[in-house]
């Protein structure tokens, strides 16, 4: 009987080559390597408002860009000087939640057209909302998701859905050195941060030596404009414009409880063909009458299907208010005209 040949040393080496080539380690060594691995911390995501500001810096002329500072917080503001020899003043524009300093609805049309009628325009970048879920992008700037974003992992069925308190609070920080703030604390910090940006914008506007400064807020920006003037009545602002005003979710007080108590001349622009907006505007008007506000003017707009025509309507109405109801700096709002006295004939 023939014996099977013994494996030679060369044959044994050839048999072990695939294991060595693929870098396979013994199980015990794998465990040791896994134990020494440390999780890699992700860098914090950039705010969406900062991403929008970076995009505007690439798209818009450098001469329109102003980097302002509110403490340690630097932010982009868009500046356009008036196209006249003697400007009327400065209009500071506050966009709403989810809107940029050049938002195509209200903000961009006003900031671009006001300089042609004698006004400097300064449009601010406001930080992302805090203390609530971030609002969805308004329809005007919604972008399709990238190919990589379209593939989402399935949720773990064993994981319970978040409670309303968890959904309304900010995501906890992974940095142990950073304290975890409640939703209420986040909202207070947000209000402080926005107020500082508005004050920085007012300081910049004053450097231009304007005749007057007008604060104009769109959407939730109108709420922040009212809050800024409520907290700092002597901010040097004599006129306030509210456009499509709304209160951010989770914040108070309501606009009808705060706006009519201001001493500034107020132009309140709303869309009368939107039932909810019209009802909210009526509450503000009634409150202004109860508080006897001497210069509270409401202007009802009609939603037009053509966006250009709709924005032109808004610009013309705002321009008309600026020309007719503007309060001079340092003066009190004009008192309401008394009812005329009609002399009666004898015997009546």
Protein backbone atom coordinates (compact mmCIF):
# COMPACT_ATOMS: atom_id res chain seq x y z
CA UNK A 1 0.00 0.00 0.00
CA UNK A 2 1.26 3.41 -0.94
CA UNK A 3 1.67 6.00 1.86
CA UNK A 4 0.31 9.50 1.44
CA UNK A 5 3.15 11.99 1.11
CA UNK A 6 3.86 14.08 4.20
CA UNK A 7 3.14 17.81 3.82
CA UNK A 8 6.30 19.73 3.31
CA UNK A 9 7.16 23.02 5.04
CA UNK A 10 6.53 24.91 1.80
CA UNK A 11 3.02 23.48 1.53
CA UNK A 12 2.22 24.52 5.08
CA UNK A 13 3.36 28.10 4.38
CA UNK A 14 1.19 28.26 1.28
CA UNK A 15 -1.83 27.12 3.28
CA UNK A 16 -1.34 29.89 5.83
CA UNK A 17 -0.85 32.67 3.29
CA UNK A 18 -4.62 33.57 2.84
CA UNK A 19 -5.02 34.04 6.59
CA UNK A 20 -1.97 36.27 6.83
CA UNK A 21 -2.93 38.24 3.71
CA UNK A 22 -6.40 39.04 5.05
CA UNK A 23 -5.03 40.15 8.39
CA UNK A 24 -7.09 37.74 10.46
CA UNK A 25 -6.24 37.90 14.16
CA UNK A 26 -6.93 35.38 16.85
CA UNK A 27 -10.20 35.97 18.73
CA UNK A 28 -8.42 36.95 21.94
CA UNK A 29 -6.40 39.64 20.15
CA UNK A 30 -9.59 41.03 18.55
CA UNK A 31 -11.15 41.45 21.98
CA UNK A 32 -8.09 43.33 23.21
CA UNK A 33 -8.22 45.73 20.25
CA UNK A 34 -11.96 46.34 20.71
CA UNK A 35 -11.46 47.15 24.37
CA UNK A 36 -8.89 49.86 23.57
CA UNK A 37 -11.03 51.61 20.93
CA UNK A 38 -12.59 54.95 22.02
CA UNK A 39 -15.68 56.50 20.44
CA UNK A 40 -15.03 59.45 18.15
CA UNK A 41 -17.03 62.57 19.09
CA UNK A 42 -18.78 64.31 16.22
CA UNK A 43 -18.21 68.01 15.76
CA UNK A 44 -21.34 70.05 16.52
CA UNK A 45 -23.48 70.75 13.48
CA UNK A 46 -23.44 74.26 12.11
CA UNK A 47 -26.62 76.25 12.63
CA UNK A 48 -28.90 76.35 9.62
CA UNK A 49 -28.94 80.14 9.80
CA UNK A 50 -25.15 80.14 9.63
CA UNK A 51 -25.25 77.89 6.57
CA UNK A 52 -27.64 80.33 4.91
CA UNK A 53 -25.37 83.24 5.82
CA UNK A 54 -22.35 81.44 4.34
CA UNK A 55 -24.28 80.88 1.12
CA UNK A 56 -25.23 84.58 0.96
CA UNK A 57 -21.60 85.55 1.47
CA UNK A 58 -20.73 83.58 -1.66
CA UNK A 59 -23.64 84.91 -3.72
CA UNK A 60 -23.92 88.61 -2.84
CA UNK A 61 -21.48 91.47 -3.47
CA UNK A 62 -18.95 92.04 -0.71
CA UNK A 63 -20.01 95.68 -0.32
CA UNK A 64 -23.47 94.56 0.85
CA UNK A 65 -22.07 92.39 3.64
CA UNK A 66 -21.52 93.59 7.19
CA UNK A 67 -20.13 91.34 9.90
CA UNK A 68 -21.63 92.58 13.18
CA UNK A 69 -20.83 91.35 16.69
CA UNK A 70 -23.13 90.90 19.65
CA UNK A 71 -20.74 89.95 22.43
CA UNK A 72 -18.92 86.86 21.23
CA UNK A 73 -21.63 86.17 18.65
CA UNK A 74 -20.69 87.29 15.11
CA UNK A 75 -23.40 87.37 12.47
CA UNK A 76 -24.03 88.56 8.92
CA UNK A 77 -26.10 91.63 8.14
CA UNK A 78 -26.91 92.87 4.64
CA UNK A 79 -26.52 96.62 4.14
CA UNK A 80 -27.75 98.71 1.22
CA UNK A 81 -27.35 102.51 1.35
CA UNK A 82 -30.11 104.80 0.15
CA UNK A 83 -29.86 105.95 -3.45
CA UNK A 84 -30.55 109.60 -2.63
CA UNK A 85 -28.44 112.54 -1.47
CA UNK A 86 -30.41 113.02 1.76
CA UNK A 87 -31.62 109.66 3.15
CA UNK A 88 -34.75 109.47 5.29
CA UNK A 89 -33.17 107.04 7.74
CA UNK A 90 -32.48 103.33 8.28
CA UNK A 91 -34.94 100.43 8.18
CA UNK A 92 -33.70 97.40 10.15
CA UNK A 93 -35.29 94.18 8.83
CA UNK A 94 -35.82 91.14 11.08
CA UNK A 95 -36.66 87.90 9.23
CA UNK A 96 -38.85 85.17 10.72
CA UNK A 97 -37.92 81.68 11.89
CA UNK A 98 -36.31 79.65 9.11
CA UNK A 99 -35.77 82.74 6.94
CA UNK A 100 -32.47 84.24 5.85
CA UNK A 101 -31.37 87.87 5.66
CA UNK A 102 -32.30 87.82 1.96
CA UNK A 103 -35.51 85.79 2.15
CA UNK A 104 -37.54 86.13 -1.08
CA UNK A 105 -40.80 86.95 0.73
CA UNK A 106 -40.96 90.42 2.31
CA UNK A 107 -37.31 90.66 3.40
CA UNK A 108 -35.45 90.71 0.05
CA UNK A 109 -38.04 92.86 -1.80
CA UNK A 110 -38.06 95.47 0.96
CA UNK A 111 -34.31 95.56 1.50
CA UNK A 112 -33.70 95.99 -2.24
CA UNK A 113 -36.48 98.51 -2.98
CA UNK A 114 -36.38 100.78 0.06
CA UNK A 115 -33.02 102.34 -0.95
CA UNK A 116 -34.64 103.60 -4.17
CA UNK A 117 -37.15 105.64 -2.15
CA UNK A 118 -34.65 107.16 0.23
CA UNK A 119 -34.06 104.56 2.95
CA UNK A 120 -30.96 102.68 4.01
CA UNK A 121 -31.79 98.99 4.60
CA UNK A 122 -30.08 96.66 7.07
CA UNK A 123 -31.25 93.03 7.08
CA UNK A 124 -30.16 90.76 9.94
CA UNK A 125 -29.38 87.08 10.32
CA UNK A 126 -31.22 85.73 13.36
CA UNK A 127 -30.15 82.48 15.09
CA UNK A 128 -31.99 79.21 14.81
CA UNK A 129 -34.98 78.82 17.14
CA UNK A 130 -34.31 77.16 20.50
CA UNK A 131 -36.53 75.37 22.98
CA UNK A 132 -38.73 73.78 20.28
CA UNK A 133 -38.35 71.58 17.26
CA UNK A 134 -36.79 73.58 14.40
CA UNK A 135 -39.50 74.84 12.04
CA UNK A 136 -39.64 73.32 8.56
CA UNK A 137 -38.25 75.31 5.69
CA UNK A 138 -40.82 77.69 4.23
CA UNK A 139 -41.92 76.60 0.77
CA UNK A 140 -39.92 79.32 -0.99
CA UNK A 141 -36.54 77.80 -0.12
CA UNK A 142 -37.24 74.10 0.26
CA UNK A 143 -34.43 72.03 -1.27
CA UNK A 144 -34.65 68.38 -2.42
CA UNK A 145 -32.66 65.98 -0.24
CA UNK A 146 -29.34 64.70 -1.49
CA UNK A 147 -29.01 61.10 -2.68
CA UNK A 148 -27.35 60.13 0.56
CA UNK A 149 -30.06 61.73 2.65
CA UNK A 150 -32.86 59.87 0.91
CA UNK A 151 -31.78 56.59 2.48
CA UNK A 152 -32.90 56.58 6.08
CA UNK A 153 -32.55 53.79 8.58
CA UNK A 154 -35.65 52.11 9.92
CA UNK A 155 -36.57 53.02 13.45
CA UNK A 156 -35.96 50.43 16.13
CA UNK A 157 -39.39 49.02 17.04
CA UNK A 158 -38.17 48.49 20.61
CA UNK A 159 -37.47 52.19 21.05
CA UNK A 160 -40.53 54.04 22.43
CA UNK A 161 -41.56 57.31 20.77
CA UNK A 162 -40.38 60.51 22.49
CA UNK A 163 -42.68 62.18 24.98
CA UNK A 164 -43.97 65.70 24.25
CA UNK A 165 -41.52 67.08 26.82
CA UNK A 166 -38.64 65.35 25.06
CA UNK A 167 -39.82 66.49 21.65
CA UNK A 168 -40.10 70.09 22.78
CA UNK A 169 -36.68 70.24 24.40
CA UNK A 170 -33.33 70.77 22.74
CA UNK A 171 -31.08 67.78 22.07
CA UNK A 172 -28.79 67.27 25.07
CA UNK A 173 -25.17 68.15 24.58
CA UNK A 174 -22.69 65.27 24.37
CA UNK A 175 -20.05 67.44 26.00
CA UNK A 176 -20.12 66.81 29.78
CA UNK A 177 -18.72 70.31 30.34
CA UNK A 178 -21.81 71.86 28.72
CA UNK A 179 -24.90 71.99 30.97
CA UNK A 180 -28.13 70.57 29.58
CA UNK A 181 -30.72 73.36 29.45
CA UNK A 182 -34.43 72.91 29.71
CA UNK A 183 -36.72 74.16 26.95
CA UNK A 184 -37.61 77.24 29.01
CA UNK A 185 -33.94 78.05 29.63
CA UNK A 186 -33.23 77.60 25.92
CA UNK A 187 -35.99 80.07 25.08
CA UNK A 188 -34.64 82.63 27.54
CA UNK A 189 -31.14 82.26 26.13
CA UNK A 190 -32.54 82.64 22.63
CA UNK A 191 -34.37 85.85 23.55
CA UNK A 192 -31.19 87.29 25.06
CA UNK A 193 -29.18 86.35 21.98
CA UNK A 194 -31.64 87.93 19.54
CA UNK A 195 -31.96 91.09 21.65
CA UNK A 196 -28.17 91.47 21.56
CA UNK A 197 -28.17 91.20 17.76
CA UNK A 198 -30.88 93.84 17.46
CA UNK A 199 -28.91 96.17 19.73
CA UNK A 200 -25.79 95.59 17.62
CA UNK A 201 -27.79 96.47 14.50
CA UNK A 202 -29.14 99.65 16.13
CA UNK A 203 -25.58 100.65 17.10
CA UNK A 204 -24.42 100.14 13.50
CA UNK A 205 -27.40 102.12 12.18
CA UNK A 206 -26.63 105.01 14.53
CA UNK A 207 -23.10 105.15 13.14
CA UNK A 208 -24.59 106.17 9.79
CA UNK A 209 -26.05 109.35 11.33
CA UNK A 210 -29.66 108.66 10.27
CA UNK A 211 -32.59 111.02 10.77
CA UNK A 212 -34.59 108.12 12.20
CA UNK A 213 -34.49 104.33 12.58
CA UNK A 214 -37.42 102.04 11.79
CA UNK A 215 -37.59 98.47 13.09
CA UNK A 216 -39.44 96.12 10.72
CA UNK A 217 -40.17 92.49 11.59
CA UNK A 218 -41.62 89.79 9.35
CA UNK A 219 -43.37 86.73 10.81
CA UNK A 220 -41.77 85.84 14.14
CA UNK A 221 -39.29 88.66 13.47
CA UNK A 222 -42.18 91.02 14.30
CA UNK A 223 -42.47 89.38 17.73
CA UNK A 224 -38.75 89.87 18.38
CA UNK A 225 -39.00 93.51 17.30
CA UNK A 226 -41.82 94.08 19.81
CA UNK A 227 -39.90 92.29 22.58
CA UNK A 228 -36.76 94.32 21.90
CA UNK A 229 -38.67 97.59 22.26
CA UNK A 230 -40.57 96.32 25.31
CA UNK A 231 -37.32 95.45 27.09
CA UNK A 232 -35.48 98.60 25.99
CA UNK A 233 -37.96 101.46 25.51
CA UNK A 234 -35.11 103.98 25.12
CA UNK A 235 -33.41 102.11 22.27
CA UNK A 236 -33.71 105.12 19.96
CA UNK A 237 -36.42 103.55 17.79
CA UNK A 238 -39.43 105.76 17.10
CA UNK A 239 -41.24 103.64 14.51
CA UNK A 240 -42.18 99.97 14.26
CA UNK A 241 -43.54 97.97 11.32
CA UNK A 242 -45.10 94.50 11.76
CA UNK A 243 -45.58 92.37 8.64
CA UNK A 244 -47.60 89.14 8.88
CA UNK A 245 -46.77 89.06 12.59
CA UNK A 246 -46.79 85.85 14.63
CA UNK A 247 -45.51 84.57 17.96
CA UNK A 248 -42.89 81.77 17.86
CA UNK A 249 -44.13 78.48 19.37
CA UNK A 250 -43.64 78.34 23.13
CA UNK A 251 -43.10 82.07 23.63
CA UNK A 252 -45.20 84.71 25.36
CA UNK A 253 -46.80 87.22 25.73
CA UNK A 254 -49.24 87.40 22.85
CA UNK A 255 -48.74 90.32 20.49
CA UNK A 256 -52.07 91.91 21.48
CA UNK A 257 -50.77 92.03 25.06
CA UNK A 258 -47.44 93.67 24.21
CA UNK A 259 -47.45 95.64 20.93
CA UNK A 260 -50.22 98.16 21.81
CA UNK A 261 -48.36 99.13 25.00
CA UNK A 262 -45.36 100.46 23.05
CA UNK A 263 -44.87 104.20 22.57
CA UNK A 264 -43.62 103.92 18.99
CA UNK A 265 -45.71 104.65 15.91
CA UNK A 266 -46.82 101.20 14.70
CA UNK A 267 -47.77 100.00 11.24
CA UNK A 268 -49.42 96.56 11.44
CA UNK A 269 -49.65 94.84 8.03
CA UNK A 270 -51.66 91.61 7.77
CA UNK A 271 -53.42 89.53 5.11
CA UNK A 272 -57.15 90.00 5.54
CA UNK A 273 -58.09 87.01 3.36
CA UNK A 274 -56.43 84.59 5.80
CA UNK A 275 -58.99 83.91 8.56
CA UNK A 276 -56.52 83.11 11.35
CA UNK A 277 -54.28 86.08 10.56
CA UNK A 278 -57.27 88.38 10.27
CA UNK A 279 -58.65 87.24 13.64
CA UNK A 280 -55.26 87.78 15.32
CA UNK A 281 -54.99 91.24 13.75
CA UNK A 282 -58.43 92.14 15.07
CA UNK A 283 -57.32 91.28 18.62
CA UNK A 284 -54.30 93.57 18.24
CA UNK A 285 -56.47 96.41 16.92
CA UNK A 286 -58.99 96.05 19.74
CA UNK A 287 -56.17 96.01 22.31
CA UNK A 288 -54.70 99.20 20.79
CA UNK A 289 -58.07 100.91 21.27
CA UNK A 290 -58.32 99.75 24.89
CA UNK A 291 -54.79 101.06 25.55
CA UNK A 292 -55.57 104.28 23.66
CA UNK A 293 -52.51 103.95 21.47
CA UNK A 294 -52.34 107.23 19.53
CA UNK A 295 -50.54 105.93 16.44
CA UNK A 296 -51.51 102.31 15.80
CA UNK A 297 -52.39 101.83 12.13
CA UNK A 298 -53.45 98.53 10.59
CA UNK A 299 -53.20 97.87 6.87
CA UNK A 300 -55.04 94.89 5.38
CA UNK A 301 -53.38 93.22 2.39
CA UNK A 302 -54.83 90.79 -0.12
CA UNK A 303 -52.92 87.67 -1.10
CA UNK A 304 -52.14 87.87 -4.80
CA UNK A 305 -51.40 84.74 -6.87
CA UNK A 306 -48.42 86.34 -8.59
CA UNK A 307 -45.53 86.61 -6.13
CA UNK A 308 -43.99 89.67 -7.77
CA UNK A 309 -47.30 91.51 -7.66
CA UNK A 310 -47.84 90.38 -4.06
CA UNK A 311 -44.45 91.70 -2.96
CA UNK A 312 -44.89 94.92 -4.91
CA UNK A 313 -48.18 95.47 -3.08
CA UNK A 314 -46.42 95.03 0.28
CA UNK A 315 -43.63 97.43 -0.69
CA UNK A 316 -46.05 100.13 -1.83
CA UNK A 317 -48.13 99.86 1.35
CA UNK A 318 -45.04 99.99 3.59
CA UNK A 319 -43.73 102.95 1.64
CA UNK A 320 -47.10 104.70 2.03
CA UNK A 321 -47.05 104.17 5.79
CA UNK A 322 -43.49 105.51 6.03
CA UNK A 323 -44.52 108.63 4.15
CA UNK A 324 -47.79 109.23 6.04
CA UNK A 325 -47.42 107.95 9.61
CA UNK A 326 -43.73 108.21 10.40
CA UNK A 327 -43.03 109.62 13.84
CA UNK A 328 -40.25 112.22 14.04
CA UNK A 329 -37.29 111.27 16.28
CA UNK A 330 -37.61 112.33 19.89
CA UNK A 331 -41.27 113.27 19.59
CA UNK A 332 -44.29 111.59 21.08
CA UNK A 333 -46.69 109.79 18.80
CA UNK A 334 -49.33 112.21 17.51
CA UNK A 335 -52.50 112.15 19.55
CA UNK A 336 -55.69 110.98 17.93
CA UNK A 337 -57.63 113.82 16.36
CA UNK A 338 -60.55 114.88 18.57
CA UNK A 339 -64.06 114.66 17.20
CA UNK A 340 -65.10 117.93 15.53
CA UNK A 341 -67.45 120.19 17.50
CA UNK A 342 -70.52 121.05 15.49
CA UNK A 343 -72.24 124.24 16.70
CA UNK A 344 -75.93 123.83 17.32
CA UNK A 345 -78.52 126.34 16.17
CA UNK A 346 -80.59 128.08 18.87
CA UNK A 347 -83.64 126.16 19.95
CA UNK A 348 -82.29 122.77 18.99
